[in-house]
Amino acid sequence: IVTLDKVQPLPDGSVVKVEFENPAGGDPLLLER
């Protein structure tokens, strides 16, 4: 779990893309919010 606070406005339609290192190895785990 990673938390981010918004300190500046973002344009509508912005997304956050995350790559988590996979502890089991292999490709990173991807998330988009």
PDB file of all heavy atoms in Angstrom:
ATOM      1  N   ILE A   1       0.865  -1.175   0.000  1.00  0.00           N
ATOM      2  CA  ILE A   1       0.000   0.000   0.000  1.00  0.00           C
ATOM      3  C   ILE A   1       0.901   1.224   0.000  1.00  0.00           C
ATOM      4  O   ILE A   1       1.818   1.337   0.814  1.00  0.00           O
ATOM      5  CB  ILE A   1      -0.969   0.034   1.190  1.00  0.00           C
ATOM      6  CG1 ILE A   1      -1.990  -1.078   1.059  1.00  0.00           C
ATOM      7  CG2 ILE A   1      -1.666   1.398   1.278  1.00  0.00           C
ATOM      8  CD1 ILE A   1      -3.133  -1.047   2.021  1.00  0.00           C
ATOM      9  N   VAL A   2       0.654   2.119  -0.952  1.00  0.00           N
ATOM     10  CA  VAL A   2       1.383   3.384  -1.061  1.00  0.00           C
ATOM     11  C   VAL A   2       0.341   4.488  -1.066  1.00  0.00           C
ATOM     12  O   VAL A   2      -0.669   4.393  -1.765  1.00  0.00           O
ATOM     13  CB  VAL A   2       2.235   3.426  -2.360  1.00  0.00           C
ATOM     14  CG1 VAL A   2       2.896   4.783  -2.525  1.00  0.00           C
ATOM     15  CG2 VAL A   2       3.263   2.316  -2.358  1.00  0.00           C
ATOM     16  N   THR A   3       0.571   5.542  -0.264  1.00  0.00           N
ATOM     17  CA  THR A   3      -0.362   6.671  -0.246  1.00  0.00           C
ATOM     18  C   THR A   3       0.338   7.939  -0.711  1.00  0.00           C
ATOM     19  O   THR A   3       1.511   8.175  -0.417  1.00  0.00           O
ATOM     20  CB  THR A   3      -0.959   6.902   1.156  1.00  0.00           C
ATOM     21  OG1 THR A   3       0.097   7.116   2.097  1.00  0.00           O
ATOM     22  CG2 THR A   3      -1.805   5.728   1.601  1.00  0.00           C
ATOM     23  N   LEU A   4      -0.407   8.742  -1.456  1.00  0.00           N
ATOM     24  CA  LEU A   4       0.064  10.013  -1.983  1.00  0.00           C
ATOM     25  C   LEU A   4      -0.963  11.076  -1.627  1.00  0.00           C
ATOM     26  O   LEU A   4      -2.170  10.836  -1.736  1.00  0.00           O
ATOM     27  CB  LEU A   4       0.200   9.948  -3.507  1.00  0.00           C
ATOM     28  CG  LEU A   4       1.050   8.828  -4.085  1.00  0.00           C
ATOM     29  CD1 LEU A   4       0.796   8.688  -5.577  1.00  0.00           C
ATOM     30  CD2 LEU A   4       2.506   9.089  -3.817  1.00  0.00           C
ATOM     31  N   ASP A   5      -0.522  12.239  -1.189  1.00  0.00           N
ATOM     32  CA  ASP A   5      -1.422  13.364  -0.956  1.00  0.00           C
ATOM     33  C   ASP A   5      -1.318  14.326  -2.123  1.00  0.00           C
ATOM     34  O   ASP A   5      -0.222  14.587  -2.627  1.00  0.00           O
ATOM     35  CB  ASP A   5      -1.071  14.103   0.335  1.00  0.00           C
ATOM     36  CG  ASP A   5      -1.596  13.401   1.572  1.00  0.00           C
ATOM     37  OD1 ASP A   5      -2.343  12.406   1.431  1.00  0.00           O
ATOM     38  OD2 ASP A   5      -1.252  13.833   2.689  1.00  0.00           O
ATOM     39  N   LYS A   6      -2.472  14.865  -2.534  1.00  0.00           N
ATOM     40  CA  LYS A   6      -2.475  15.846  -3.621  1.00  0.00           C
ATOM     41  C   LYS A   6      -2.115  17.207  -3.025  1.00  0.00           C
ATOM     42  O   LYS A   6      -2.782  17.687  -2.122  1.00  0.00           O
ATOM     43  CB  LYS A   6      -3.849  15.903  -4.281  1.00  0.00           C
ATOM     44  CG  LYS A   6      -3.840  16.689  -5.582  1.00  0.00           C
ATOM     45  CD  LYS A   6      -5.207  16.931  -6.183  1.00  0.00           C
ATOM     46  CE  LYS A   6      -5.988  15.701  -6.469  1.00  0.00           C
ATOM     47  NZ  LYS A   6      -7.292  15.994  -7.077  1.00  0.00           N
ATOM     48  N   VAL A   7      -1.045  17.807  -3.523  1.00  0.00           N
ATOM     49  CA  VAL A   7      -0.607  19.111  -3.047  1.00  0.00           C
ATOM     50  C   VAL A   7      -0.815  20.201  -4.096  1.00  0.00           C
ATOM     51  O   VAL A   7      -0.725  21.387  -3.778  1.00  0.00           O
ATOM     52  CB  VAL A   7       0.871  19.088  -2.569  1.00  0.00           C
ATOM     53  CG1 VAL A   7       1.011  18.240  -1.322  1.00  0.00           C
ATOM     54  CG2 VAL A   7       1.810  18.603  -3.651  1.00  0.00           C
ATOM     55  N   GLN A   8      -1.069  19.799  -5.332  1.00  0.00           N
ATOM     56  CA  GLN A   8      -1.364  20.725  -6.419  1.00  0.00           C
ATOM     57  C   GLN A   8      -2.497  20.117  -7.242  1.00  0.00           C
ATOM     58  O   GLN A   8      -2.621  18.899  -7.334  1.00  0.00           O
ATOM     59  CB  GLN A   8      -0.138  20.912  -7.337  1.00  0.00           C
ATOM     60  CG  GLN A   8       1.033  21.606  -6.688  1.00  0.00           C
ATOM     61  CD  GLN A   8       0.747  23.057  -6.403  1.00  0.00           C
ATOM     62  OE1 GLN A   8       0.099  23.741  -7.176  1.00  0.00           O
ATOM     63  NE2 GLN A   8       1.236  23.533  -5.263  1.00  0.00           N
ATOM     64  N   PRO A   9      -3.343  20.954  -7.840  1.00  0.00           N
ATOM     65  CA  PRO A   9      -4.412  20.395  -8.680  1.00  0.00           C
ATOM     66  C   PRO A   9      -3.839  19.656  -9.887  1.00  0.00           C
ATOM     67  O   PRO A   9      -2.767  19.986 -10.384  1.00  0.00           O
ATOM     68  CB  PRO A   9      -5.214  21.621  -9.112  1.00  0.00           C
ATOM     69  CG  PRO A   9      -4.488  22.820  -8.642  1.00  0.00           C
ATOM     70  CD  PRO A   9      -3.359  22.406  -7.772  1.00  0.00           C
ATOM     71  N   LEU A  10      -4.579  18.660 -10.318  1.00  0.00           N
ATOM     72  CA  LEU A  10      -4.222  17.894 -11.516  1.00  0.00           C
ATOM     73  C   LEU A  10      -5.312  18.083 -12.555  1.00  0.00           C
ATOM     74  O   LEU A  10      -6.485  18.219 -12.202  1.00  0.00           O
ATOM     75  CB  LEU A  10      -4.117  16.401 -11.184  1.00  0.00           C
ATOM     76  CG  LEU A  10      -2.858  15.956 -10.464  1.00  0.00           C
ATOM     77  CD1 LEU A  10      -3.022  14.540  -9.928  1.00  0.00           C
ATOM     78  CD2 LEU A  10      -1.673  16.013 -11.403  1.00  0.00           C
ATOM     79  N   PRO A  11      -4.967  18.069 -13.823  1.00  0.00           N
ATOM     80  CA  PRO A  11      -5.990  18.189 -14.870  1.00  0.00           C
ATOM     81  C   PRO A  11      -6.968  17.010 -14.803  1.00  0.00           C
ATOM     82  O   PRO A  11      -6.585  15.893 -14.462  1.00  0.00           O
ATOM     83  CB  PRO A  11      -5.198  18.159 -16.176  1.00  0.00           C
ATOM     84  CG  PRO A  11      -3.770  18.308 -15.814  1.00  0.00           C
ATOM     85  CD  PRO A  11      -3.619  17.967 -14.370  1.00  0.00           C
ATOM     86  N   ASP A  12      -8.240  17.281 -15.132  1.00  0.00           N
ATOM     87  CA  ASP A  12      -9.231  16.212 -15.201  1.00  0.00           C
ATOM     88  C   ASP A  12      -8.769  15.150 -16.180  1.00  0.00           C
ATOM     89  O   ASP A  12      -8.252  15.457 -17.252  1.00  0.00           O
ATOM     90  CB  ASP A  12     -10.593  16.747 -15.665  1.00  0.00           C
ATOM     91  CG  ASP A  12     -11.386  17.367 -14.524  1.00  0.00           C
ATOM     92  OD1 ASP A  12     -11.037  17.110 -13.357  1.00  0.00           O
ATOM     93  OD2 ASP A  12     -12.355  18.091 -14.808  1.00  0.00           O
ATOM     94  N   GLY A  13      -8.950  13.893 -15.797  1.00  0.00           N
ATOM     95  CA  GLY A  13      -8.538  12.793 -16.659  1.00  0.00           C
ATOM     96  C   GLY A  13      -7.133  12.298 -16.383  1.00  0.00           C
ATOM     97  O   GLY A  13      -6.647  11.411 -17.087  1.00  0.00           O
ATOM     98  N   SER A  14      -6.469  12.829 -15.366  1.00  0.00           N
ATOM     99  CA  SER A  14      -5.123  12.363 -15.019  1.00  0.00           C
ATOM    100  C   SER A  14      -5.207  10.992 -14.367  1.00  0.00           C
ATOM    101  O   SER A  14      -6.192  10.651 -13.713  1.00  0.00           O
ATOM    102  CB  SER A  14      -4.445  13.340 -14.054  1.00  0.00           C
ATOM    103  OG  SER A  14      -4.238  14.591 -14.665  1.00  0.00           O
ATOM    104  N   VAL A  15      -4.151  10.213 -14.553  1.00  0.00           N
ATOM    105  CA  VAL A  15      -4.080   8.884 -13.951  1.00  0.00           C
ATOM    106  C   VAL A  15      -2.722   8.691 -13.283  1.00  0.00           C
ATOM    107  O   VAL A  15      -1.752   9.371 -13.609  1.00  0.00           O
ATOM    108  CB  VAL A  15      -4.305   7.747 -14.980  1.00  0.00           C
ATOM    109  CG1 VAL A  15      -5.705   7.777 -15.552  1.00  0.00           C
ATOM    110  CG2 VAL A  15      -3.268   7.791 -16.072  1.00  0.00           C
ATOM    111  N   VAL A  16      -2.695   7.754 -12.350  1.00  0.00           N
ATOM    112  CA  VAL A  16      -1.455   7.346 -11.699  1.00  0.00           C
ATOM    113  C   VAL A  16      -1.196   5.911 -12.125  1.00  0.00           C
ATOM    114  O   VAL A  16      -2.065   5.053 -11.981  1.00  0.00           O
ATOM    115  CB  VAL A  16      -1.570   7.452 -10.168  1.00  0.00           C
ATOM    116  CG1 VAL A  16      -0.317   6.930  -9.493  1.00  0.00           C
ATOM    117  CG2 VAL A  16      -1.838   8.879  -9.742  1.00  0.00           C
ATOM    118  N   LYS A  17      -0.013   5.676 -12.682  1.00  0.00           N
ATOM    119  CA  LYS A  17       0.390   4.327 -13.089  1.00  0.00           C
ATOM    120  C   LYS A  17       1.517   3.876 -12.163  1.00  0.00           C
ATOM    121  O   LYS A  17       2.461   4.628 -11.924  1.00  0.00           O
ATOM    122  CB  LYS A  17       0.864   4.306 -14.539  1.00  0.00           C
ATOM    123  CG  LYS A  17      -0.245   4.602 -15.528  1.00  0.00           C
ATOM    124  CD  LYS A  17       0.244   4.487 -16.945  1.00  0.00           C
ATOM    125  CE  LYS A  17      -0.908   4.747 -17.924  1.00  0.00           C
ATOM    126  NZ  LYS A  17      -0.480   4.547 -19.309  1.00  0.00           N
ATOM    127  N   VAL A  18       1.393   2.651 -11.670  1.00  0.00           N
ATOM    128  CA  VAL A  18       2.352   2.143 -10.694  1.00  0.00           C
ATOM    129  C   VAL A  18       2.912   0.800 -11.152  1.00  0.00           C
ATOM    130  O   VAL A  18       2.177  -0.032 -11.680  1.00  0.00           O
ATOM    131  CB  VAL A  18       1.678   1.945  -9.314  1.00  0.00           C
ATOM    132  CG1 VAL A  18       2.708   1.620  -8.250  1.00  0.00           C
ATOM    133  CG2 VAL A  18       0.870   3.151  -8.910  1.00  0.00           C
ATOM    134  N   GLU A  19       4.198   0.616 -10.931  1.00  0.00           N
ATOM    135  CA  GLU A  19       4.863  -0.669 -11.126  1.00  0.00           C
ATOM    136  C   GLU A  19       5.423  -1.092  -9.777  1.00  0.00           C
ATOM    137  O   GLU A  19       6.305  -0.442  -9.231  1.00  0.00           O
ATOM    138  CB  GLU A  19       6.010  -0.558 -12.128  1.00  0.00           C
ATOM    139  CG  GLU A  19       5.577  -0.393 -13.546  1.00  0.00           C
ATOM    140  CD  GLU A  19       6.753  -0.440 -14.521  1.00  0.00           C
ATOM    141  OE1 GLU A  19       7.897  -0.746 -14.103  1.00  0.00           O
ATOM    142  OE2 GLU A  19       6.520  -0.160 -15.703  1.00  0.00           O
ATOM    143  N   PHE A  20       4.869  -2.191  -9.230  1.00  0.00           N
ATOM    144  CA  PHE A  20       5.352  -2.758  -7.979  1.00  0.00           C
ATOM    145  C   PHE A  20       6.296  -3.907  -8.315  1.00  0.00           C
ATOM    146  O   PHE A  20       5.955  -4.766  -9.134  1.00  0.00           O
ATOM    147  CB  PHE A  20       4.190  -3.337  -7.158  1.00  0.00           C
ATOM    148  CG  PHE A  20       3.163  -2.343  -6.705  1.00  0.00           C
ATOM    149  CD1 PHE A  20       1.982  -2.173  -7.412  1.00  0.00           C
ATOM    150  CD2 PHE A  20       3.361  -1.600  -5.551  1.00  0.00           C
ATOM    151  CE1 PHE A  20       1.017  -1.278  -6.988  1.00  0.00           C
ATOM    152  CE2 PHE A  20       2.395  -0.698  -5.118  1.00  0.00           C
ATOM    153  CZ  PHE A  20       1.224  -0.535  -5.826  1.00  0.00           C
ATOM    154  N   GLU A  21       7.463  -3.931  -7.696  1.00  0.00           N
ATOM    155  CA  GLU A  21       8.365  -5.064  -7.889  1.00  0.00           C
ATOM    156  C   GLU A  21       7.660  -6.327  -7.391  1.00  0.00           C
ATOM    157  O   GLU A  21       7.044  -6.325  -6.330  1.00  0.00           O
ATOM    158  CB  GLU A  21       9.660  -4.857  -7.110  1.00  0.00           C
ATOM    159  CG  GLU A  21      10.653  -5.968  -7.275  1.00  0.00           C
ATOM    160  CD  GLU A  21      11.950  -5.741  -6.508  1.00  0.00           C
ATOM    161  OE1 GLU A  21      12.190  -4.639  -6.002  1.00  0.00           O
ATOM    162  OE2 GLU A  21      12.722  -6.708  -6.420  1.00  0.00           O
ATOM    163  N   ASN A  22       7.737  -7.381  -8.161  1.00  0.00           N
ATOM    164  CA  ASN A  22       7.093  -8.639  -7.795  1.00  0.00           C
ATOM    165  C   ASN A  22       8.034  -9.432  -6.888  1.00  0.00           C
ATOM    166  O   ASN A  22       9.067  -9.898  -7.351  1.00  0.00           O
ATOM    167  CB  ASN A  22       6.754  -9.437  -9.053  1.00  0.00           C
ATOM    168  CG  ASN A  22       5.918 -10.643  -8.765  1.00  0.00           C
ATOM    169  OD1 ASN A  22       5.817 -11.100  -7.631  1.00  0.00           O
ATOM    170  ND2 ASN A  22       5.315 -11.190  -9.810  1.00  0.00           N
ATOM    171  N   PRO A  23       7.702  -9.572  -5.585  1.00  0.00           N
ATOM    172  CA  PRO A  23       8.593 -10.309  -4.682  1.00  0.00           C
ATOM    173  C   PRO A  23       8.817 -11.762  -5.105  1.00  0.00           C
ATOM    174  O   PRO A  23       9.839 -12.350  -4.779  1.00  0.00           O
ATOM    175  CB  PRO A  23       7.874 -10.252  -3.336  1.00  0.00           C
ATOM    176  CG  PRO A  23       6.987  -9.060  -3.428  1.00  0.00           C
ATOM    177  CD  PRO A  23       6.567  -8.986  -4.870  1.00  0.00           C
ATOM    178  N   ALA A  24       7.890 -12.334  -5.859  1.00  0.00           N
ATOM    179  CA  ALA A  24       8.036 -13.712  -6.336  1.00  0.00           C
ATOM    180  C   ALA A  24       8.896 -13.776  -7.593  1.00  0.00           C
ATOM    181  O   ALA A  24       9.166 -14.860  -8.109  1.00  0.00           O
ATOM    182  CB  ALA A  24       6.667 -14.327  -6.607  1.00  0.00           C
ATOM    183  N   GLY A  25       9.324 -12.625  -8.108  1.00  0.00           N
ATOM    184  CA  GLY A  25      10.120 -12.575  -9.327  1.00  0.00           C
ATOM    185  C   GLY A  25       9.233 -12.369 -10.537  1.00  0.00           C
ATOM    186  O   GLY A  25       8.009 -12.326 -10.445  1.00  0.00           O
ATOM    187  N   GLY A  26       9.844 -12.199 -11.677  1.00  0.00           N
ATOM    188  CA  GLY A  26       9.083 -12.009 -12.910  1.00  0.00           C
ATOM    189  C   GLY A  26       8.722 -10.560 -13.150  1.00  0.00           C
ATOM    190  O   GLY A  26       9.322  -9.642 -12.590  1.00  0.00           O
ATOM    191  N   ASP A  27       7.727 -10.362 -14.002  1.00  0.00           N
ATOM    192  CA  ASP A  27       7.310  -9.019 -14.395  1.00  0.00           C
ATOM    193  C   ASP A  27       6.764  -8.238 -13.205  1.00  0.00           C
ATOM    194  O   ASP A  27       6.163  -8.827 -12.291  1.00  0.00           O
ATOM    195  CB  ASP A  27       6.223  -9.095 -15.474  1.00  0.00           C
ATOM    196  CG  ASP A  27       6.749  -9.668 -16.784  1.00  0.00           C
ATOM    197  OD1 ASP A  27       7.971  -9.563 -17.019  1.00  0.00           O
ATOM    198  OD2 ASP A  27       5.943 -10.226 -17.547  1.00  0.00           O
ATOM    199  N   PRO A  28       6.921  -6.909 -13.233  1.00  0.00           N
ATOM    200  CA  PRO A  28       6.342  -6.108 -12.155  1.00  0.00           C
ATOM    201  C   PRO A  28       4.815  -6.189 -12.177  1.00  0.00           C
ATOM    202  O   PRO A  28       4.210  -6.476 -13.211  1.00  0.00           O
ATOM    203  CB  PRO A  28       6.819  -4.681 -12.452  1.00  0.00           C
ATOM    204  CG  PRO A  28       7.481  -4.707 -13.767  1.00  0.00           C
ATOM    205  CD  PRO A  28       7.631  -6.118 -14.221  1.00  0.00           C
ATOM    206  N   LEU A  29       4.227  -5.923 -11.042  1.00  0.00           N
ATOM    207  CA  LEU A  29       2.771  -5.889 -10.923  1.00  0.00           C
ATOM    208  C   LEU A  29       2.325  -4.478 -11.276  1.00  0.00           C
ATOM    209  O   LEU A  29       2.865  -3.497 -10.747  1.00  0.00           O
ATOM    210  CB  LEU A  29       2.353  -6.256  -9.499  1.00  0.00           C
ATOM    211  CG  LEU A  29       2.903  -7.591  -9.011  1.00  0.00           C
ATOM    212  CD1 LEU A  29       2.733  -7.739  -7.517  1.00  0.00           C
ATOM    213  CD2 LEU A  29       2.236  -8.727  -9.754  1.00  0.00           C
ATOM    214  N   LEU A  30       1.353  -4.349 -12.163  1.00  0.00           N
ATOM    215  CA  LEU A  30       0.937  -3.051 -12.674  1.00  0.00           C
ATOM    216  C   LEU A  30      -0.412  -2.642 -12.100  1.00  0.00           C
ATOM    217  O   LEU A  30      -1.286  -3.486 -11.884  1.00  0.00           O
ATOM    218  CB  LEU A  30       0.862  -3.084 -14.196  1.00  0.00           C
ATOM    219  CG  LEU A  30       2.135  -3.534 -14.918  1.00  0.00           C
ATOM    220  CD1 LEU A  30       1.901  -3.617 -16.415  1.00  0.00           C
ATOM    221  CD2 LEU A  30       3.286  -2.610 -14.594  1.00  0.00           C
ATOM    222  N   LEU A  31      -0.561  -1.344 -11.884  1.00  0.00           N
ATOM    223  CA  LEU A  31      -1.811  -0.786 -11.373  1.00  0.00           C
ATOM    224  C   LEU A  31      -1.999   0.581 -12.005  1.00  0.00           C
ATOM    225  O   LEU A  31      -1.031   1.333 -12.180  1.00  0.00           O
ATOM    226  CB  LEU A  31      -1.736  -0.649  -9.848  1.00  0.00           C
ATOM    227  CG  LEU A  31      -2.916  -0.016  -9.148  1.00  0.00           C
ATOM    228  CD1 LEU A  31      -4.122  -0.949  -9.167  1.00  0.00           C
ATOM    229  CD2 LEU A  31      -2.554   0.323  -7.709  1.00  0.00           C
ATOM    230  N   GLU A  32      -3.222   0.920 -12.351  1.00  0.00           N
ATOM    231  CA  GLU A  32      -3.543   2.249 -12.875  1.00  0.00           C
ATOM    232  C   GLU A  32      -4.781   2.756 -12.159  1.00  0.00           C
ATOM    233  O   GLU A  32      -5.774   2.042 -12.044  1.00  0.00           O
ATOM    234  CB  GLU A  32      -3.801   2.180 -14.381  1.00  0.00           C
ATOM    235  CG  GLU A  32      -4.022   3.543 -15.008  1.00  0.00           C
ATOM    236  CD  GLU A  32      -4.114   3.478 -16.515  1.00  0.00           C
ATOM    237  OE1 GLU A  32      -3.305   2.765 -17.147  1.00  0.00           O
ATOM    238  OE2 GLU A  32      -4.994   4.163 -17.062  1.00  0.00           O
ATOM    239  N   ARG A  33      -4.711   3.997 -11.648  1.00  0.00           N
ATOM    240  CA  ARG A  33      -5.831   4.612 -10.939  1.00  0.00           C
ATOM    241  C   ARG A  33      -6.086   6.006 -11.491  1.00  0.00           C
ATOM    242  O   ARG A  33      -5.153   6.786 -11.676  1.00  0.00           O
ATOM    243  CB  ARG A  33      -5.527   4.765  -9.443  1.00  0.00           C
ATOM    244  CG  ARG A  33      -5.527   3.499  -8.666  1.00  0.00           C
ATOM    245  CD  ARG A  33      -6.954   3.080  -8.337  1.00  0.00           C
ATOM    246  NE  ARG A  33      -6.951   1.892  -7.550  1.00  0.00           N
ATOM    247  CZ  ARG A  33      -7.151   0.670  -8.017  1.00  0.00           C
ATOM    248  NH1 ARG A  33      -7.354   0.478  -9.283  1.00  0.00           N
ATOM    249  NH2 ARG A  33      -7.137  -0.365  -7.218  1.00  0.00           N
TER     250      ARG A  33
END
